[in-house]
Amino acid sequence: MRRYSWLPWFALDIVLVIVFAASGRASHEDTASVLGTLNVAWPFLVALVIGTVLTKPWKTINEVWPWGLLVWLITVLFGMALRVLTGGGFALAFLFVTLGILGLFLLGRRAVAGLLIRNRVKLRG
């Protein structure tokens, strides 16, 4: 993998976290404002950066096990902690929804990317 080829995948992870925040706001009939969405998303975005850096993305960005799992859990748990520490509130239902949606997004994205990359390698080989 080239040195910076992980950056588009990381950008997609960022987009997926923002989509998670926007869809959550929409499901609660909040107004669709960029600042409101970023207010919900920022703790999870910070946690995503931490999780991504800790897992050496230039080597592991599309691996589901164990690195994708680690990024997902760090994103959810640190993101939730940041949210609570900054007055965002906590609800157990929100934790479960966050685990599910971000799991689907972050792990699902890695599973699909891994399949596409492996199939492309097989086709070339």
N, C-alpha and C. Protein backbone atom coordinates (compact mmCIF):
# COMPACT_ATOMS: atom_id res chain seq x y z
N MET A 1 0.84 -1.17 0.00
CA MET A 1 0.00 0.00 0.00
C MET A 1 0.89 1.24 0.00
N ARG A 2 0.59 2.17 -0.88
CA ARG A 2 1.38 3.39 -0.91
C ARG A 2 1.22 4.18 0.38
N ARG A 3 2.16 5.05 0.65
CA ARG A 3 2.24 5.76 1.91
C ARG A 3 0.96 6.48 2.30
N TYR A 4 0.29 7.16 1.37
CA TYR A 4 -0.89 7.97 1.70
C TYR A 4 -2.17 7.39 1.12
N SER A 5 -2.15 6.18 0.63
CA SER A 5 -3.35 5.61 0.02
C SER A 5 -4.45 5.33 1.03
N TRP A 6 -4.16 5.41 2.31
CA TRP A 6 -5.15 5.21 3.36
C TRP A 6 -6.01 6.45 3.59
N LEU A 7 -5.56 7.62 3.15
CA LEU A 7 -6.27 8.86 3.43
C LEU A 7 -7.69 8.91 2.85
N PRO A 8 -7.94 8.46 1.62
CA PRO A 8 -9.33 8.47 1.14
C PRO A 8 -10.24 7.57 1.97
N TRP A 9 -9.72 6.44 2.45
CA TRP A 9 -10.52 5.56 3.29
C TRP A 9 -10.82 6.24 4.63
N PHE A 10 -9.85 6.94 5.17
CA PHE A 10 -10.06 7.67 6.42
C PHE A 10 -11.08 8.78 6.21
N ALA A 11 -11.00 9.46 5.07
CA ALA A 11 -11.98 10.50 4.75
C ALA A 11 -13.39 9.90 4.68
N LEU A 12 -13.51 8.70 4.14
CA LEU A 12 -14.80 8.03 4.10
C LEU A 12 -15.30 7.72 5.51
N ASP A 13 -14.41 7.30 6.40
CA ASP A 13 -14.81 7.07 7.79
C ASP A 13 -15.34 8.36 8.42
N ILE A 14 -14.69 9.48 8.14
CA ILE A 14 -15.15 10.78 8.65
C ILE A 14 -16.55 11.08 8.13
N VAL A 15 -16.76 10.88 6.85
CA VAL A 15 -18.08 11.11 6.25
C VAL A 15 -19.12 10.22 6.92
N LEU A 16 -18.78 8.97 7.17
CA LEU A 16 -19.73 8.04 7.79
C LEU A 16 -20.10 8.47 9.20
N VAL A 17 -19.16 9.00 9.96
CA VAL A 17 -19.47 9.50 11.31
C VAL A 17 -20.39 10.72 11.21
N ILE A 18 -20.15 11.58 10.24
CA ILE A 18 -21.01 12.75 10.06
C ILE A 18 -22.41 12.32 9.62
N VAL A 19 -22.50 11.33 8.75
CA VAL A 19 -23.81 10.79 8.33
C VAL A 19 -24.54 10.22 9.54
N PHE A 20 -23.83 9.51 10.41
CA PHE A 20 -24.41 8.99 11.64
C PHE A 20 -25.03 10.12 12.46
N ALA A 21 -24.28 11.19 12.65
CA ALA A 21 -24.77 12.32 13.45
C ALA A 21 -25.97 12.99 12.78
N ALA A 22 -25.87 13.20 11.48
CA ALA A 22 -26.96 13.86 10.75
C ALA A 22 -28.23 13.02 10.76
N SER A 23 -28.09 11.71 10.60
CA SER A 23 -29.27 10.85 10.58
C SER A 23 -29.91 10.79 11.97
N GLY A 24 -29.09 10.82 13.00
CA GLY A 24 -29.63 10.84 14.36
C GLY A 24 -30.41 12.11 14.63
N ARG A 25 -29.87 13.22 14.20
CA ARG A 25 -30.59 14.48 14.37
C ARG A 25 -31.89 14.47 13.59
N ALA A 26 -31.85 13.95 12.38
CA ALA A 26 -33.05 13.92 11.54
C ALA A 26 -34.12 13.00 12.15
N SER A 27 -33.69 11.90 12.75
CA SER A 27 -34.67 10.97 13.33
C SER A 27 -35.36 11.56 14.55
N HIS A 28 -34.75 12.57 15.15
CA HIS A 28 -35.35 13.24 16.30
C HIS A 28 -35.98 14.57 15.89
N GLU A 29 -36.14 14.75 14.60
CA GLU A 29 -36.78 15.93 14.03
C GLU A 29 -36.08 17.24 14.41
N ASP A 30 -34.77 17.16 14.62
CA ASP A 30 -33.99 18.37 14.81
C ASP A 30 -33.80 19.05 13.47
N THR A 31 -33.59 20.34 13.50
CA THR A 31 -33.35 21.04 12.25
C THR A 31 -32.04 20.57 11.65
N ALA A 32 -31.99 20.56 10.36
CA ALA A 32 -30.82 20.06 9.64
C ALA A 32 -29.80 21.18 9.47
N SER A 33 -29.10 21.51 10.55
CA SER A 33 -28.07 22.53 10.44
C SER A 33 -26.70 21.88 10.49
N VAL A 34 -25.78 22.47 9.77
CA VAL A 34 -24.41 21.95 9.75
C VAL A 34 -23.79 22.03 11.14
N LEU A 35 -23.98 23.15 11.83
CA LEU A 35 -23.40 23.30 13.16
C LEU A 35 -24.01 22.31 14.16
N GLY A 36 -25.30 22.07 14.06
CA GLY A 36 -25.94 21.10 14.94
C GLY A 36 -25.41 19.70 14.72
N THR A 37 -25.23 19.34 13.45
CA THR A 37 -24.69 18.02 13.13
C THR A 37 -23.26 17.90 13.63
N LEU A 38 -22.45 18.92 13.41
CA LEU A 38 -21.06 18.88 13.89
C LEU A 38 -20.98 18.87 15.41
N ASN A 39 -21.94 19.49 16.06
CA ASN A 39 -21.99 19.47 17.52
C ASN A 39 -22.19 18.05 18.04
N VAL A 40 -22.98 17.27 17.35
CA VAL A 40 -23.18 15.86 17.73
C VAL A 40 -21.97 15.03 17.30
N ALA A 41 -21.41 15.32 16.14
CA ALA A 41 -20.37 14.48 15.55
C ALA A 41 -18.99 14.68 16.15
N TRP A 42 -18.65 15.88 16.62
CA TRP A 42 -17.26 16.16 16.95
C TRP A 42 -16.64 15.20 17.97
N PRO A 43 -17.33 14.79 19.04
CA PRO A 43 -16.65 13.86 19.97
C PRO A 43 -16.28 12.54 19.30
N PHE A 44 -17.14 12.09 18.40
CA PHE A 44 -16.89 10.83 17.71
C PHE A 44 -15.81 11.00 16.64
N LEU A 45 -15.74 12.18 16.05
CA LEU A 45 -14.68 12.46 15.07
C LEU A 45 -13.31 12.50 15.75
N VAL A 46 -13.24 13.14 16.91
CA VAL A 46 -11.99 13.17 17.67
C VAL A 46 -11.58 11.75 18.04
N ALA A 47 -12.53 10.96 18.52
CA ALA A 47 -12.24 9.58 18.90
C ALA A 47 -11.85 8.75 17.68
N LEU A 48 -12.47 9.01 16.54
CA LEU A 48 -12.09 8.30 15.30
C LEU A 48 -10.64 8.60 14.93
N VAL A 49 -10.23 9.83 15.05
CA VAL A 49 -8.84 10.19 14.76
C VAL A 49 -7.90 9.44 15.70
N ILE A 50 -8.22 9.43 16.99
CA ILE A 50 -7.39 8.73 17.97
C ILE A 50 -7.31 7.24 17.63
N GLY A 51 -8.44 6.62 17.39
CA GLY A 51 -8.46 5.20 17.06
C GLY A 51 -7.72 4.88 15.79
N THR A 52 -7.86 5.74 14.80
CA THR A 52 -7.19 5.51 13.52
C THR A 52 -5.68 5.63 13.68
N VAL A 53 -5.22 6.66 14.36
CA VAL A 53 -3.78 6.85 14.54
C VAL A 53 -3.18 5.70 15.35
N LEU A 54 -3.88 5.26 16.38
CA LEU A 54 -3.36 4.16 17.21
C LEU A 54 -3.23 2.85 16.45
N THR A 55 -4.02 2.67 15.39
CA THR A 55 -3.98 1.41 14.65
C THR A 55 -3.11 1.46 13.41
N LYS A 56 -2.30 2.49 13.28
CA LYS A 56 -1.37 2.61 12.15
C LYS A 56 -2.09 2.43 10.81
N PRO A 57 -2.88 3.40 10.42
CA PRO A 57 -3.75 3.24 9.25
C PRO A 57 -3.01 2.98 7.94
N TRP A 58 -1.78 3.40 7.85
CA TRP A 58 -1.03 3.16 6.62
C TRP A 58 -0.80 1.66 6.40
N LYS A 59 -1.05 0.85 7.44
CA LYS A 59 -0.91 -0.60 7.33
C LYS A 59 -2.25 -1.34 7.45
N THR A 60 -3.22 -0.75 8.16
CA THR A 60 -4.38 -1.52 8.61
C THR A 60 -5.74 -0.92 8.27
N ILE A 61 -5.82 0.10 7.43
CA ILE A 61 -7.05 0.87 7.27
C ILE A 61 -8.24 0.04 6.79
N ASN A 62 -8.04 -1.05 6.11
CA ASN A 62 -9.16 -1.85 5.61
C ASN A 62 -9.29 -3.22 6.25
N GLU A 63 -8.65 -3.42 7.39
CA GLU A 63 -8.74 -4.69 8.09
C GLU A 63 -9.85 -4.63 9.13
N VAL A 64 -10.75 -5.60 9.06
CA VAL A 64 -11.85 -5.65 10.02
C VAL A 64 -11.34 -6.15 11.37
N TRP A 65 -10.58 -7.25 11.32
CA TRP A 65 -10.07 -7.85 12.56
C TRP A 65 -8.57 -7.75 12.63
N PRO A 66 -7.99 -7.31 13.68
CA PRO A 66 -8.60 -6.73 14.87
C PRO A 66 -8.70 -5.21 14.81
N TRP A 67 -8.07 -4.61 13.77
CA TRP A 67 -7.91 -3.15 13.76
C TRP A 67 -9.21 -2.39 13.56
N GLY A 68 -10.07 -2.87 12.69
CA GLY A 68 -11.35 -2.22 12.49
C GLY A 68 -12.20 -2.26 13.75
N LEU A 69 -12.17 -3.41 14.41
CA LEU A 69 -12.90 -3.55 15.67
C LEU A 69 -12.38 -2.55 16.70
N LEU A 70 -11.07 -2.39 16.76
CA LEU A 70 -10.46 -1.46 17.71
C LEU A 70 -10.85 -0.02 17.38
N VAL A 71 -10.80 0.37 16.10
CA VAL A 71 -11.19 1.72 15.70
C VAL A 71 -12.66 1.97 16.07
N TRP A 72 -13.50 1.00 15.79
CA TRP A 72 -14.93 1.13 16.09
C TRP A 72 -15.16 1.34 17.59
N LEU A 73 -14.56 0.49 18.41
CA LEU A 73 -14.78 0.59 19.85
C LEU A 73 -14.20 1.88 20.43
N ILE A 74 -13.03 2.28 19.97
CA ILE A 74 -12.45 3.55 20.43
C ILE A 74 -13.34 4.71 20.01
N THR A 75 -13.82 4.67 18.78
CA THR A 75 -14.68 5.76 18.28
C THR A 75 -15.94 5.87 19.13
N VAL A 76 -16.56 4.75 19.43
CA VAL A 76 -17.80 4.78 20.22
C VAL A 76 -17.52 5.14 21.68
N LEU A 77 -16.59 4.44 22.30
CA LEU A 77 -16.40 4.62 23.74
C LEU A 77 -15.74 5.95 24.10
N PHE A 78 -14.68 6.33 23.39
CA PHE A 78 -14.06 7.62 23.64
C PHE A 78 -14.99 8.75 23.20
N GLY A 79 -15.68 8.55 22.09
CA GLY A 79 -16.62 9.56 21.62
C GLY A 79 -17.73 9.78 22.64
N MET A 80 -18.26 8.71 23.19
CA MET A 80 -19.31 8.82 24.20
C MET A 80 -18.76 9.50 25.46
N ALA A 81 -17.55 9.14 25.86
CA ALA A 81 -16.93 9.77 27.04
C ALA A 81 -16.74 11.26 26.82
N LEU A 82 -16.23 11.65 25.65
CA LEU A 82 -16.08 13.08 25.35
C LEU A 82 -17.42 13.79 25.36
N ARG A 83 -18.42 13.16 24.80
CA ARG A 83 -19.76 13.74 24.78
C ARG A 83 -20.26 14.00 26.20
N VAL A 84 -20.11 13.02 27.07
CA VAL A 84 -20.58 13.16 28.45
C VAL A 84 -19.76 14.22 29.20
N LEU A 85 -18.43 14.17 29.03
CA LEU A 85 -17.56 15.12 29.72
C LEU A 85 -17.80 16.57 29.30
N THR A 86 -18.32 16.78 28.12
CA THR A 86 -18.56 18.14 27.64
C THR A 86 -20.04 18.52 27.73
N GLY A 87 -20.81 17.76 28.52
CA GLY A 87 -22.19 18.13 28.78
C GLY A 87 -23.20 17.66 27.75
N GLY A 88 -22.81 16.72 26.90
CA GLY A 88 -23.72 16.25 25.86
C GLY A 88 -24.76 15.28 26.34
N GLY A 89 -24.64 14.79 27.54
CA GLY A 89 -25.63 13.88 28.08
C GLY A 89 -25.37 12.43 27.68
N PHE A 90 -26.06 11.55 28.38
CA PHE A 90 -25.89 10.12 28.14
C PHE A 90 -27.24 9.42 28.28
N ALA A 91 -27.49 8.53 27.37
CA ALA A 91 -28.64 7.64 27.46
C ALA A 91 -28.17 6.27 26.98
N LEU A 92 -28.56 5.23 27.72
CA LEU A 92 -28.13 3.89 27.37
C LEU A 92 -28.59 3.52 25.96
N ALA A 93 -29.79 3.94 25.60
CA ALA A 93 -30.30 3.66 24.25
C ALA A 93 -29.40 4.30 23.19
N PHE A 94 -28.92 5.52 23.45
CA PHE A 94 -28.02 6.19 22.50
C PHE A 94 -26.72 5.42 22.36
N LEU A 95 -26.20 4.87 23.46
CA LEU A 95 -24.98 4.06 23.39
C LEU A 95 -25.20 2.85 22.48
N PHE A 96 -26.33 2.17 22.65
CA PHE A 96 -26.60 0.98 21.83
C PHE A 96 -26.80 1.33 20.36
N VAL A 97 -27.49 2.42 20.11
CA VAL A 97 -27.68 2.87 18.71
C VAL A 97 -26.33 3.25 18.11
N THR A 98 -25.52 3.94 18.87
CA THR A 98 -24.20 4.34 18.40
C THR A 98 -23.33 3.13 18.10
N LEU A 99 -23.33 2.16 19.00
CA LEU A 99 -22.58 0.93 18.75
C LEU A 99 -23.04 0.26 17.47
N GLY A 100 -24.34 0.17 17.29
CA GLY A 100 -24.88 -0.51 16.11
C GLY A 100 -24.62 0.22 14.81
N ILE A 101 -24.95 1.49 14.76
CA ILE A 101 -24.80 2.24 13.51
C ILE A 101 -23.33 2.42 13.15
N LEU A 102 -22.51 2.85 14.11
CA LEU A 102 -21.09 3.02 13.79
C LEU A 102 -20.42 1.67 13.52
N GLY A 103 -20.89 0.61 14.16
CA GLY A 103 -20.38 -0.72 13.84
C GLY A 103 -20.68 -1.09 12.41
N LEU A 104 -21.93 -0.88 12.01
CA LEU A 104 -22.32 -1.14 10.63
C LEU A 104 -21.49 -0.31 9.66
N PHE A 105 -21.35 0.97 9.96
CA PHE A 105 -20.62 1.87 9.06
C PHE A 105 -19.13 1.57 9.03
N LEU A 106 -18.48 1.56 10.18
CA LEU A 106 -17.01 1.44 10.22
C LEU A 106 -16.52 0.03 9.93
N LEU A 107 -17.21 -0.97 10.45
CA LEU A 107 -16.81 -2.36 10.17
C LEU A 107 -17.30 -2.80 8.80
N GLY A 108 -18.51 -2.40 8.45
CA GLY A 108 -19.04 -2.73 7.13
C GLY A 108 -18.22 -2.15 6.01
N ARG A 109 -17.80 -0.91 6.17
CA ARG A 109 -16.97 -0.25 5.16
C ARG A 109 -15.66 -1.01 4.98
N ARG A 110 -15.08 -1.45 6.08
CA ARG A 110 -13.81 -2.19 6.00
C ARG A 110 -14.01 -3.56 5.36
N ALA A 111 -15.10 -4.22 5.67
CA ALA A 111 -15.37 -5.53 5.08
C ALA A 111 -15.55 -5.42 3.57
N VAL A 112 -16.32 -4.44 3.13
CA VAL A 112 -16.53 -4.25 1.69
C VAL A 112 -15.23 -3.86 1.01
N ALA A 113 -14.48 -2.93 1.60
CA ALA A 113 -13.21 -2.51 1.00
C ALA A 113 -12.24 -3.68 0.92
N GLY A 114 -12.17 -4.48 1.97
CA GLY A 114 -11.27 -5.63 1.96
C GLY A 114 -11.62 -6.62 0.85
N LEU A 115 -12.91 -6.87 0.67
CA LEU A 115 -13.34 -7.76 -0.41
C LEU A 115 -12.99 -7.20 -1.78
N LEU A 116 -13.24 -5.91 -1.97
CA LEU A 116 -12.94 -5.29 -3.26
C LEU A 116 -11.45 -5.32 -3.55
N ILE A 117 -10.64 -5.05 -2.55
CA ILE A 117 -9.19 -5.04 -2.74
C ILE A 117 -8.67 -6.45 -3.02
N ARG A 118 -9.16 -7.43 -2.27
CA ARG A 118 -8.72 -8.82 -2.51
C ARG A 118 -9.14 -9.29 -3.90
N ASN A 119 -10.35 -8.97 -4.32
CA ASN A 119 -10.82 -9.37 -5.65
C ASN A 119 -10.02 -8.68 -6.76
N ARG A 120 -9.66 -7.43 -6.55
CA ARG A 120 -8.87 -6.72 -7.55
C ARG A 120 -7.48 -7.35 -7.66
N VAL A 121 -6.90 -7.73 -6.55
CA VAL A 121 -5.59 -8.38 -6.55
C VAL A 121 -5.68 -9.73 -7.28
N LYS A 122 -6.74 -10.51 -7.04
CA LYS A 122 -6.92 -11.80 -7.69
C LYS A 122 -7.09 -11.64 -9.20
N LEU A 123 -7.83 -10.60 -9.60
CA LEU A 123 -8.03 -10.37 -11.03
C LEU A 123 -6.74 -10.00 -11.74
N ARG A 124 -5.89 -9.27 -11.07
CA ARG A 124 -4.61 -8.86 -11.66
C ARG A 124 -3.63 -10.02 -11.71
N GLY A 125 -3.70 -10.88 -10.67
CA GLY A 125 -2.73 -11.97 -10.50
C GLY A 125 -2.97 -13.04 -11.47
